Amino acid sequence: IVKSHPMHAGTGEMVASAVIKAAQKT
C-alpha cells in the first residue's frame, strides 16, 4: 500500500495505474 507523496500525487497516480494494469494482466 503506497501512501503517495502529496507533492507529486499526479505522477503517483499515473504510475499506480501502471502497477494495477500489470497486476490484472498477470
PDB file of all heavy atoms in Angstrom:
ATOM      1  N   ILE A   1       0.866  -1.173   0.000  1.00  0.00           N
ATOM      2  CA  ILE A   1       0.000   0.000   0.000  1.00  0.00           C
ATOM      3  C   ILE A   1       0.902   1.221   0.000  1.00  0.00           C
ATOM      4  O   ILE A   1       1.696   1.407   0.936  1.00  0.00           O
ATOM      5  CB  ILE A   1      -0.926   0.034   1.227  1.00  0.00           C
ATOM      6  CG1 ILE A   1      -1.829  -1.205   1.250  1.00  0.00           C
ATOM      7  CG2 ILE A   1      -1.784   1.308   1.231  1.00  0.00           C
ATOM      8  CD1 ILE A   1      -2.637  -1.344   2.527  1.00  0.00           C
ATOM      9  N   VAL A   2       0.819   2.032  -1.036  1.00  0.00           N
ATOM     10  CA  VAL A   2       1.634   3.247  -1.128  1.00  0.00           C
ATOM     11  C   VAL A   2       0.868   4.429  -0.553  1.00  0.00           C
ATOM     12  O   VAL A   2      -0.292   4.655  -0.914  1.00  0.00           O
ATOM     13  CB  VAL A   2       2.037   3.533  -2.585  1.00  0.00           C
ATOM     14  CG1 VAL A   2       2.674   4.920  -2.705  1.00  0.00           C
ATOM     15  CG2 VAL A   2       2.998   2.467  -3.092  1.00  0.00           C
ATOM     16  N   LYS A   3       1.510   5.145   0.363  1.00  0.00           N
ATOM     17  CA  LYS A   3       0.999   6.442   0.804  1.00  0.00           C
ATOM     18  C   LYS A   3       1.682   7.451  -0.097  1.00  0.00           C
ATOM     19  O   LYS A   3       2.820   7.831   0.098  1.00  0.00           O
ATOM     20  CB  LYS A   3       1.337   6.672   2.282  1.00  0.00           C
ATOM     21  CG  LYS A   3       0.374   7.619   3.018  1.00  0.00           C
ATOM     22  CD  LYS A   3       0.433   9.058   2.538  1.00  0.00           C
ATOM     23  CE  LYS A   3       1.699   9.734   2.986  1.00  0.00           C
ATOM     24  NZ  LYS A   3       1.757  11.173   2.535  1.00  0.00           N
ATOM     25  N   SER A   4       0.959   7.882  -1.124  1.00  0.00           N
ATOM     26  CA  SER A   4       1.541   8.720  -2.160  1.00  0.00           C
ATOM     27  C   SER A   4       2.014  10.057  -1.589  1.00  0.00           C
ATOM     28  O   SER A   4       1.378  10.623  -0.693  1.00  0.00           O
ATOM     29  CB  SER A   4       0.502   8.968  -3.260  1.00  0.00           C
ATOM     30  OG  SER A   4       1.058   9.671  -4.334  1.00  0.00           O
ATOM     31  N   HIS A   5       3.127  10.565  -2.116  1.00  0.00           N
ATOM     32  CA  HIS A   5       3.633  11.854  -1.624  1.00  0.00           C
ATOM     33  C   HIS A   5       2.776  12.986  -2.189  1.00  0.00           C
ATOM     34  O   HIS A   5       2.522  13.040  -3.395  1.00  0.00           O
ATOM     35  CB  HIS A   5       5.091  12.061  -2.016  1.00  0.00           C
ATOM     36  CG  HIS A   5       5.757  13.098  -1.171  1.00  0.00           C
ATOM     37  ND1 HIS A   5       5.533  14.447  -1.347  1.00  0.00           N
ATOM     38  CD2 HIS A   5       6.599  12.991  -0.110  1.00  0.00           C
ATOM     39  CE1 HIS A   5       6.225  15.127  -0.452  1.00  0.00           C
ATOM     40  NE2 HIS A   5       6.880  14.264   0.314  1.00  0.00           N
ATOM     41  N   PRO A   6       2.338  13.915  -1.350  1.00  0.00           N
ATOM     42  CA  PRO A   6       1.430  14.968  -1.820  1.00  0.00           C
ATOM     43  C   PRO A   6       2.051  15.932  -2.823  1.00  0.00           C
ATOM     44  O   PRO A   6       1.325  16.610  -3.550  1.00  0.00           O
ATOM     45  CB  PRO A   6       1.038  15.700  -0.530  1.00  0.00           C
ATOM     46  CG  PRO A   6       2.129  15.399   0.441  1.00  0.00           C
ATOM     47  CD  PRO A   6       2.588  14.012   0.105  1.00  0.00           C
ATOM     48  N   MET A   7       3.371  15.996  -2.905  1.00  0.00           N
ATOM     49  CA  MET A   7       3.993  16.906  -3.862  1.00  0.00           C
ATOM     50  C   MET A   7       3.921  16.390  -5.293  1.00  0.00           C
ATOM     51  O   MET A   7       4.033  17.168  -6.240  1.00  0.00           O
ATOM     52  CB  MET A   7       5.457  17.145  -3.481  1.00  0.00           C
ATOM     53  CG  MET A   7       5.643  17.943  -2.217  1.00  0.00           C
ATOM     54  SD  MET A   7       7.399  18.239  -1.924  1.00  0.00           S
ATOM     55  CE  MET A   7       7.342  18.962  -0.271  1.00  0.00           C
ATOM     56  N   HIS A   8       3.781  15.069  -5.455  1.00  0.00           N
ATOM     57  CA  HIS A   8       3.694  14.528  -6.817  1.00  0.00           C
ATOM     58  C   HIS A   8       2.629  13.434  -6.884  1.00  0.00           C
ATOM     59  O   HIS A   8       2.853  12.329  -7.378  1.00  0.00           O
ATOM     60  CB  HIS A   8       5.049  14.018  -7.312  1.00  0.00           C
ATOM     61  CG  HIS A   8       5.824  13.185  -6.328  1.00  0.00           C
ATOM     62  ND1 HIS A   8       5.532  11.867  -6.078  1.00  0.00           N
ATOM     63  CD2 HIS A   8       6.879  13.503  -5.534  1.00  0.00           C
ATOM     64  CE1 HIS A   8       6.377  11.395  -5.191  1.00  0.00           C
ATOM     65  NE2 HIS A   8       7.204  12.363  -4.827  1.00  0.00           N
ATOM     66  N   ALA A   9       1.436  13.789  -6.404  1.00  0.00           N
ATOM     67  CA  ALA A   9       0.323  12.840  -6.384  1.00  0.00           C
ATOM     68  C   ALA A   9      -0.130  12.449  -7.792  1.00  0.00           C
ATOM     69  O   ALA A   9      -0.587  11.325  -8.016  1.00  0.00           O
ATOM     70  CB  ALA A   9      -0.852  13.428  -5.607  1.00  0.00           C
ATOM     71  N   GLY A  10      -0.020  13.365  -8.743  1.00  0.00           N
ATOM     72  CA  GLY A  10      -0.404  13.056 -10.115  1.00  0.00           C
ATOM     73  C   GLY A  10       0.535  12.036 -10.734  1.00  0.00           C
ATOM     74  O   GLY A  10       0.097  11.072 -11.377  1.00  0.00           O
ATOM     75  N   THR A  11       1.822  12.240 -10.558  1.00  0.00           N
ATOM     76  CA  THR A  11       2.815  11.265 -11.011  1.00  0.00           C
ATOM     77  C   THR A  11       2.545   9.917 -10.359  1.00  0.00           C
ATOM     78  O   THR A  11       2.575   8.871 -11.013  1.00  0.00           O
ATOM     79  CB  THR A  11       4.228  11.751 -10.654  1.00  0.00           C
ATOM     80  OG1 THR A  11       4.431  13.058 -11.190  1.00  0.00           O
ATOM     81  CG2 THR A  11       5.283  10.812 -11.193  1.00  0.00           C
ATOM     82  N   GLY A  12       2.266   9.959  -9.055  1.00  0.00           N
ATOM     83  CA  GLY A  12       1.999   8.738  -8.318  1.00  0.00           C
ATOM     84  C   GLY A  12       0.784   7.990  -8.838  1.00  0.00           C
ATOM     85  O   GLY A  12       0.803   6.760  -8.967  1.00  0.00           O
ATOM     86  N   GLU A  13      -0.286   8.727  -9.160  1.00  0.00           N
ATOM     87  CA  GLU A  13      -1.488   8.059  -9.662  1.00  0.00           C
ATOM     88  C   GLU A  13      -1.229   7.399 -11.017  1.00  0.00           C
ATOM     89  O   GLU A  13      -1.691   6.280 -11.281  1.00  0.00           O
ATOM     90  CB  GLU A  13      -2.656   9.039  -9.783  1.00  0.00           C
ATOM     91  CG  GLU A  13      -3.945   8.328 -10.199  1.00  0.00           C
ATOM     92  CD  GLU A  13      -5.095   9.265 -10.476  1.00  0.00           C
ATOM     93  OE1 GLU A  13      -5.189  10.320  -9.813  1.00  0.00           O
ATOM     94  OE2 GLU A  13      -5.916   8.950 -11.361  1.00  0.00           O
ATOM     95  N   MET A  14      -0.481   8.087 -11.876  1.00  0.00           N
ATOM     96  CA  MET A  14      -0.197   7.510 -13.181  1.00  0.00           C
ATOM     97  C   MET A  14       0.636   6.236 -13.060  1.00  0.00           C
ATOM     98  O   MET A  14       0.363   5.223 -13.719  1.00  0.00           O
ATOM     99  CB  MET A  14       0.519   8.536 -14.060  1.00  0.00           C
ATOM    100  CG  MET A  14      -0.348   9.728 -14.436  1.00  0.00           C
ATOM    101  SD  MET A  14       0.471  10.845 -15.603  1.00  0.00           S
ATOM    102  CE  MET A  14       0.443   9.859 -17.098  1.00  0.00           C
ATOM    103  N   VAL A  15       1.649   6.268 -12.213  1.00  0.00           N
ATOM    104  CA  VAL A  15       2.469   5.069 -12.006  1.00  0.00           C
ATOM    105  C   VAL A  15       1.634   3.966 -11.363  1.00  0.00           C
ATOM    106  O   VAL A  15       1.744   2.789 -11.717  1.00  0.00           O
ATOM    107  CB  VAL A  15       3.710   5.397 -11.158  1.00  0.00           C
ATOM    108  CG1 VAL A  15       4.487   4.125 -10.824  1.00  0.00           C
ATOM    109  CG2 VAL A  15       4.619   6.386 -11.885  1.00  0.00           C
ATOM    110  N   ALA A  16       0.751   4.345 -10.422  1.00  0.00           N
ATOM    111  CA  ALA A  16      -0.125   3.358  -9.779  1.00  0.00           C
ATOM    112  C   ALA A  16      -1.014   2.675 -10.811  1.00  0.00           C
ATOM    113  O   ALA A  16      -1.267   1.459 -10.730  1.00  0.00           O
ATOM    114  CB  ALA A  16      -0.973   4.029  -8.705  1.00  0.00           C
ATOM    115  N   SER A  17      -1.471   3.427 -11.792  1.00  0.00           N
ATOM    116  CA  SER A  17      -2.315   2.825 -12.832  1.00  0.00           C
ATOM    117  C   SER A  17      -1.536   1.759 -13.599  1.00  0.00           C
ATOM    118  O   SER A  17      -2.105   0.734 -14.013  1.00  0.00           O
ATOM    119  CB  SER A  17      -2.837   3.899 -13.789  1.00  0.00           C
ATOM    120  OG  SER A  17      -1.816   4.396 -14.648  1.00  0.00           O
ATOM    121  N   ALA A  18      -0.239   1.989 -13.794  1.00  0.00           N
ATOM    122  CA  ALA A  18       0.598   1.000 -14.475  1.00  0.00           C
ATOM    123  C   ALA A  18       0.737  -0.269 -13.641  1.00  0.00           C
ATOM    124  O   ALA A  18       0.695  -1.388 -14.172  1.00  0.00           O
ATOM    125  CB  ALA A  18       1.976   1.598 -14.764  1.00  0.00           C
ATOM    126  N   VAL A  19       0.904  -0.101 -12.320  1.00  0.00           N
ATOM    127  CA  VAL A  19       1.018  -1.265 -11.440  1.00  0.00           C
ATOM    128  C   VAL A  19      -0.283  -2.066 -11.448  1.00  0.00           C
ATOM    129  O   VAL A  19      -0.273  -3.306 -11.510  1.00  0.00           O
ATOM    130  CB  VAL A  19       1.367  -0.827 -10.006  1.00  0.00           C
ATOM    131  CG1 VAL A  19       1.510  -2.054  -9.092  1.00  0.00           C
ATOM    132  CG2 VAL A  19       2.661  -0.008  -9.969  1.00  0.00           C
ATOM    133  N   ILE A  20      -1.405  -1.364 -11.373  1.00  0.00           N
ATOM    134  CA  ILE A  20      -2.705  -2.039 -11.369  1.00  0.00           C
ATOM    135  C   ILE A  20      -2.935  -2.803 -12.681  1.00  0.00           C
ATOM    136  O   ILE A  20      -3.387  -3.959 -12.678  1.00  0.00           O
ATOM    137  CB  ILE A  20      -3.836  -1.021 -11.135  1.00  0.00           C
ATOM    138  CG1 ILE A  20      -3.736  -0.419  -9.731  1.00  0.00           C
ATOM    139  CG2 ILE A  20      -5.194  -1.677 -11.349  1.00  0.00           C
ATOM    140  CD1 ILE A  20      -3.868  -1.412  -8.602  1.00  0.00           C
ATOM    141  N   LYS A  21      -2.605  -2.181 -13.805  1.00  0.00           N
ATOM    142  CA  LYS A  21      -2.770  -2.860 -15.097  1.00  0.00           C
ATOM    143  C   LYS A  21      -1.886  -4.101 -15.152  1.00  0.00           C
ATOM    144  O   LYS A  21      -2.296  -5.159 -15.657  1.00  0.00           O
ATOM    145  CB  LYS A  21      -2.421  -1.911 -16.239  1.00  0.00           C
ATOM    146  CG  LYS A  21      -3.483  -0.852 -16.502  1.00  0.00           C
ATOM    147  CD  LYS A  21      -3.087   0.057 -17.655  1.00  0.00           C
ATOM    148  CE  LYS A  21      -4.131   1.139 -17.881  1.00  0.00           C
ATOM    149  NZ  LYS A  21      -3.739   2.086 -18.963  1.00  0.00           N
ATOM    150  N   ALA A  22      -0.677  -3.978 -14.640  1.00  0.00           N
ATOM    151  CA  ALA A  22       0.231  -5.126 -14.630  1.00  0.00           C
ATOM    152  C   ALA A  22      -0.317  -6.245 -13.752  1.00  0.00           C
ATOM    153  O   ALA A  22      -0.222  -7.432 -14.104  1.00  0.00           O
ATOM    154  CB  ALA A  22       1.608  -4.688 -14.140  1.00  0.00           C
ATOM    155  N   ALA A  23      -0.884  -5.885 -12.616  1.00  0.00           N
ATOM    156  CA  ALA A  23      -1.460  -6.889 -11.714  1.00  0.00           C
ATOM    157  C   ALA A  23      -2.604  -7.632 -12.405  1.00  0.00           C
ATOM    158  O   ALA A  23      -2.736  -8.858 -12.288  1.00  0.00           O
ATOM    159  CB  ALA A  23      -1.944  -6.228 -10.431  1.00  0.00           C
ATOM    160  N   GLN A  24      -3.429  -6.896 -13.129  1.00  0.00           N
ATOM    161  CA  GLN A  24      -4.556  -7.514 -13.823  1.00  0.00           C
ATOM    162  C   GLN A  24      -4.086  -8.405 -14.969  1.00  0.00           C
ATOM    163  O   GLN A  24      -4.595  -9.520 -15.156  1.00  0.00           O
ATOM    164  CB  GLN A  24      -5.502  -6.427 -14.347  1.00  0.00           C
ATOM    165  CG  GLN A  24      -6.210  -5.656 -13.236  1.00  0.00           C
ATOM    166  CD  GLN A  24      -6.989  -4.456 -13.761  1.00  0.00           C
ATOM    167  OE1 GLN A  24      -6.593  -3.831 -14.748  1.00  0.00           O
ATOM    168  NE2 GLN A  24      -8.088  -4.120 -13.107  1.00  0.00           N
ATOM    169  N   LYS A  25      -3.108  -7.934 -15.722  1.00  0.00           N
ATOM    170  CA  LYS A  25      -2.606  -8.712 -16.859  1.00  0.00           C
ATOM    171  C   LYS A  25      -1.935 -10.004 -16.416  1.00  0.00           C
ATOM    172  O   LYS A  25      -1.917 -10.985 -17.181  1.00  0.00           O
ATOM    173  CB  LYS A  25      -1.613  -7.871 -17.674  1.00  0.00           C
ATOM    174  CG  LYS A  25      -2.262  -6.811 -18.543  1.00  0.00           C
ATOM    175  CD  LYS A  25      -1.219  -6.136 -19.431  1.00  0.00           C
ATOM    176  CE  LYS A  25      -1.878  -5.165 -20.413  1.00  0.00           C
ATOM    177  NZ  LYS A  25      -0.879  -4.531 -21.308  1.00  0.00           N
ATOM    178  N   THR A  26      -1.347 -10.020 -15.227  1.00  0.00           N
ATOM    179  CA  THR A  26      -0.612 -11.202 -14.761  1.00  0.00           C
ATOM    180  C   THR A  26      -1.393 -11.998 -13.712  1.00  0.00           C
ATOM    181  O   THR A  26      -0.824 -12.856 -13.036  1.00  0.00           O
ATOM    182  CB  THR A  26       0.759 -10.780 -14.192  1.00  0.00           C
ATOM    183  OG1 THR A  26       0.572  -9.818 -13.142  1.00  0.00           O
ATOM    184  CG2 THR A  26       1.626 -10.156 -15.284  1.00  0.00           C
TER     185      THR A  26
END
